[in-house]
């Protein structure tokens, strides 16, 4: 269940970022840091490093490896409080970056007004739907809020997240 929930949390945080594809004329390519705060059912999600520290070493290593593999498959790295994403000019031009490379979530409706984009999101695994609002602050900074209701292990979970994207460098690590 924890791995499915972690995937749901990662997706909710990155969906706001992937929605920036709708307004990428001005965003810089390169290394981006995305800081996020997430609540599930109105309770703050604990820092992953703190949760992992309390596990037996073998289980902790297994979960850390699995999470690292999942994040790497999505082109991100992170510390539990933020992720780093490398965005190429080609990805920007084709709107293929961030979000869910496995195509489990999609934007079904979007509206832009000035520097603000509002979207309706639908996900298949885990199943869910929600809304996201992204505010582009500059070519190197944006803010987003996302509210989703997802089915995880047969239970409805309300996930609310706030994210801040900050451009870090022209070259990716």
Protein backbone atom coordinates (compact mmCIF):
# COMPACT_ATOMS: atom_id res chain seq x y z
CA UNK A 1 0.00 0.00 0.00
CA UNK A 2 2.84 2.42 0.84
CA UNK A 3 4.34 2.08 -2.66
CA UNK A 4 0.94 2.72 -4.31
CA UNK A 5 0.40 5.74 -2.04
CA UNK A 6 3.92 7.01 -2.79
CA UNK A 7 3.17 6.76 -6.51
CA UNK A 8 -0.08 8.69 -5.98
CA UNK A 9 1.75 11.39 -4.01
CA UNK A 10 4.51 11.69 -6.59
CA UNK A 11 1.94 11.93 -9.38
CA UNK A 12 -0.09 14.60 -7.61
CA UNK A 13 3.01 16.70 -7.07
CA UNK A 14 4.27 16.31 -10.62
CA UNK A 15 0.94 16.77 -12.36
CA UNK A 16 0.97 20.47 -11.60
CA UNK A 17 4.40 20.59 -13.18
CA UNK A 18 3.40 18.63 -16.28
CA UNK A 19 0.53 21.03 -16.82
CA UNK A 20 3.08 23.75 -17.41
CA UNK A 21 3.38 22.16 -20.84
CA UNK A 22 0.43 24.34 -21.76
CA UNK A 23 2.46 27.52 -21.32
CA UNK A 24 6.04 26.57 -22.00
CA UNK A 25 6.87 29.37 -24.43
CA UNK A 26 8.82 31.11 -21.68
CA UNK A 27 10.09 28.42 -19.31
CA UNK A 28 13.82 27.73 -19.28
CA UNK A 29 15.20 24.29 -20.11
CA UNK A 30 17.61 22.69 -17.65
CA UNK A 31 17.52 21.45 -14.08
CA UNK A 32 14.38 22.30 -12.08
CA UNK A 33 13.80 21.79 -8.35
CA UNK A 34 10.21 21.17 -7.28
CA UNK A 35 9.40 21.56 -3.60
CA UNK A 36 6.09 20.14 -2.48
CA UNK A 37 3.82 19.89 0.52
CA UNK A 38 1.20 17.16 0.45
CA UNK A 39 -1.73 16.30 2.68
CA UNK A 40 -3.70 13.06 2.52
CA UNK A 41 -7.17 13.14 4.06
CA UNK A 42 -6.29 16.50 5.70
CA UNK A 43 -3.19 15.09 7.39
CA UNK A 44 0.34 16.14 6.49
CA UNK A 45 2.39 13.43 4.84
CA UNK A 46 5.42 12.70 7.02
CA UNK A 47 8.91 13.22 5.66
CA UNK A 48 9.88 10.00 3.88
CA UNK A 49 13.36 9.96 5.40
CA UNK A 50 11.85 9.97 8.90
CA UNK A 51 9.47 7.15 8.04
CA UNK A 52 12.25 5.07 6.50
CA UNK A 53 14.59 5.63 9.45
CA UNK A 54 12.21 3.67 11.70
CA UNK A 55 12.18 0.58 9.49
CA UNK A 56 14.43 -2.47 9.72
CA UNK A 57 17.54 -1.90 7.55
CA UNK A 58 16.74 -4.59 4.97
CA UNK A 59 13.18 -3.34 4.44
CA UNK A 60 14.37 0.28 4.32
CA UNK A 61 16.94 -0.57 1.62
CA UNK A 62 14.33 -2.43 -0.40
CA UNK A 63 11.83 0.45 -0.25
CA UNK A 64 14.50 3.09 -0.96
CA UNK A 65 15.67 1.12 -4.01
CA UNK A 66 12.11 0.73 -5.27
CA UNK A 67 11.33 4.42 -4.80
CA UNK A 68 14.58 5.45 -6.48
CA UNK A 69 13.79 3.18 -9.42
CA UNK A 70 10.24 4.57 -9.75
CA UNK A 71 11.49 8.14 -9.62
CA UNK A 72 14.31 7.44 -12.09
CA UNK A 73 11.78 5.94 -14.50
CA UNK A 74 9.99 9.29 -14.37
CA UNK A 75 13.23 11.25 -14.85
CA UNK A 76 13.34 12.68 -11.34
CA UNK A 77 15.49 12.46 -8.24
CA UNK A 78 14.63 13.72 -4.79
CA UNK A 79 14.94 13.77 -1.04
CA UNK A 80 11.30 13.30 0.03
CA UNK A 81 10.65 17.05 0.28
CA UNK A 82 11.62 18.02 -3.24
CA UNK A 83 12.44 16.49 -6.60
CA UNK A 84 14.81 17.52 -9.34
CA UNK A 85 13.73 17.19 -12.93
CA UNK A 86 15.81 17.71 -16.06
CA UNK A 87 13.86 19.44 -18.83
CA UNK A 88 15.35 19.57 -22.33
CA UNK A 89 14.42 22.08 -25.05
CA UNK A 90 13.06 19.13 -27.05
CA UNK A 91 10.82 18.08 -24.17
CA UNK A 92 9.54 21.63 -23.84
CA UNK A 93 8.85 21.87 -27.58
CA UNK A 94 6.94 18.57 -27.59
CA UNK A 95 5.28 19.04 -24.17
CA UNK A 96 6.69 15.66 -23.06
CA UNK A 97 8.14 16.12 -19.59
CA UNK A 98 7.27 15.89 -15.92
CA UNK A 99 4.02 14.33 -14.88
CA UNK A 100 3.37 10.71 -15.66
CA UNK A 101 5.46 9.17 -18.45
CA UNK A 102 3.44 5.95 -18.17
CA UNK A 103 0.34 7.85 -19.27
CA UNK A 104 -1.76 6.88 -16.25
CA UNK A 105 -2.90 10.49 -15.71
CA UNK A 106 -4.06 12.99 -18.29
CA UNK A 107 -5.34 16.55 -18.50
CA UNK A 108 -8.91 16.46 -19.82
CA UNK A 109 -9.73 20.16 -19.74
CA UNK A 110 -7.65 23.29 -19.37
CA UNK A 111 -8.22 27.03 -19.34
CA UNK A 112 -5.60 29.74 -19.34
CA UNK A 113 -6.05 33.32 -18.18
CA UNK A 114 -2.89 35.43 -18.21
CA UNK A 115 -0.23 33.56 -16.26
CA UNK A 116 -2.71 31.15 -14.60
CA UNK A 117 -3.77 27.76 -15.93
CA UNK A 118 -6.62 25.70 -14.48
CA UNK A 119 -6.94 22.02 -15.39
CA UNK A 120 -9.11 18.98 -14.79
CA UNK A 121 -7.10 15.77 -14.27
CA UNK A 122 -8.07 12.10 -14.63
CA UNK A 123 -5.86 9.17 -13.55
CA UNK A 124 -6.23 5.46 -14.16
CA UNK A 125 -3.71 3.79 -11.81
CA UNK A 126 -4.43 4.62 -9.11
CA UNK A 127 -7.89 5.72 -10.27
CA UNK A 128 -8.72 9.31 -9.49
CA UNK A 129 -9.65 12.78 -10.61
CA UNK A 130 -8.94 16.29 -9.55
CA UNK A 131 -8.10 19.87 -10.39
CA UNK A 132 -4.85 21.77 -10.58
CA UNK A 133 -4.02 25.46 -10.82
CA UNK A 134 -0.59 26.62 -11.97
CA UNK A 135 0.64 30.19 -11.76
CA UNK A 136 3.68 31.05 -13.85
CA UNK A 137 5.69 33.64 -11.93
CA UNK A 138 8.53 33.97 -14.45
CA UNK A 139 10.52 31.85 -16.88
CA UNK A 140 12.30 30.35 -13.87
CA UNK A 141 9.56 30.02 -11.23
CA UNK A 142 6.00 28.74 -10.85
CA UNK A 143 3.51 27.73 -8.13
CA UNK A 144 0.78 25.09 -8.26
CA UNK A 145 -2.03 23.69 -6.15
CA UNK A 146 -3.58 20.32 -6.86
CA UNK A 147 -6.56 18.60 -5.26
CA UNK A 148 -7.25 14.97 -6.17
CA UNK A 149 -9.49 12.17 -5.01
CA UNK A 150 -7.87 8.79 -5.69
CA UNK A 151 -8.73 5.17 -5.00
CA UNK A 152 -5.78 3.51 -3.25
CA UNK A 153 -6.15 -0.11 -2.14
CA UNK A 154 -9.94 0.21 -2.42
CA UNK A 155 -10.15 3.32 -0.25
CA UNK A 156 -10.90 6.86 -1.35
CA UNK A 157 -8.05 9.24 -0.51
CA UNK A 158 -8.18 13.02 -0.81
CA UNK A 159 -4.76 14.37 -1.77
CA UNK A 160 -4.01 18.09 -1.69
CA UNK A 161 -0.62 19.40 -2.69
CA UNK A 162 1.15 22.69 -3.15
CA UNK A 163 4.28 22.84 -5.26
CA UNK A 164 6.88 25.41 -6.17
CA UNK A 165 9.10 24.99 -9.21
CA UNK A 166 12.42 26.80 -9.34
CA UNK A 167 14.90 26.67 -12.21
CA UNK A 168 18.33 25.61 -10.93
CA UNK A 169 20.77 25.47 -13.83
CA UNK A 170 21.04 25.34 -17.60
CA UNK A 171 22.91 22.02 -17.41
CA UNK A 172 21.42 18.92 -15.83
CA UNK A 173 23.49 16.85 -13.42
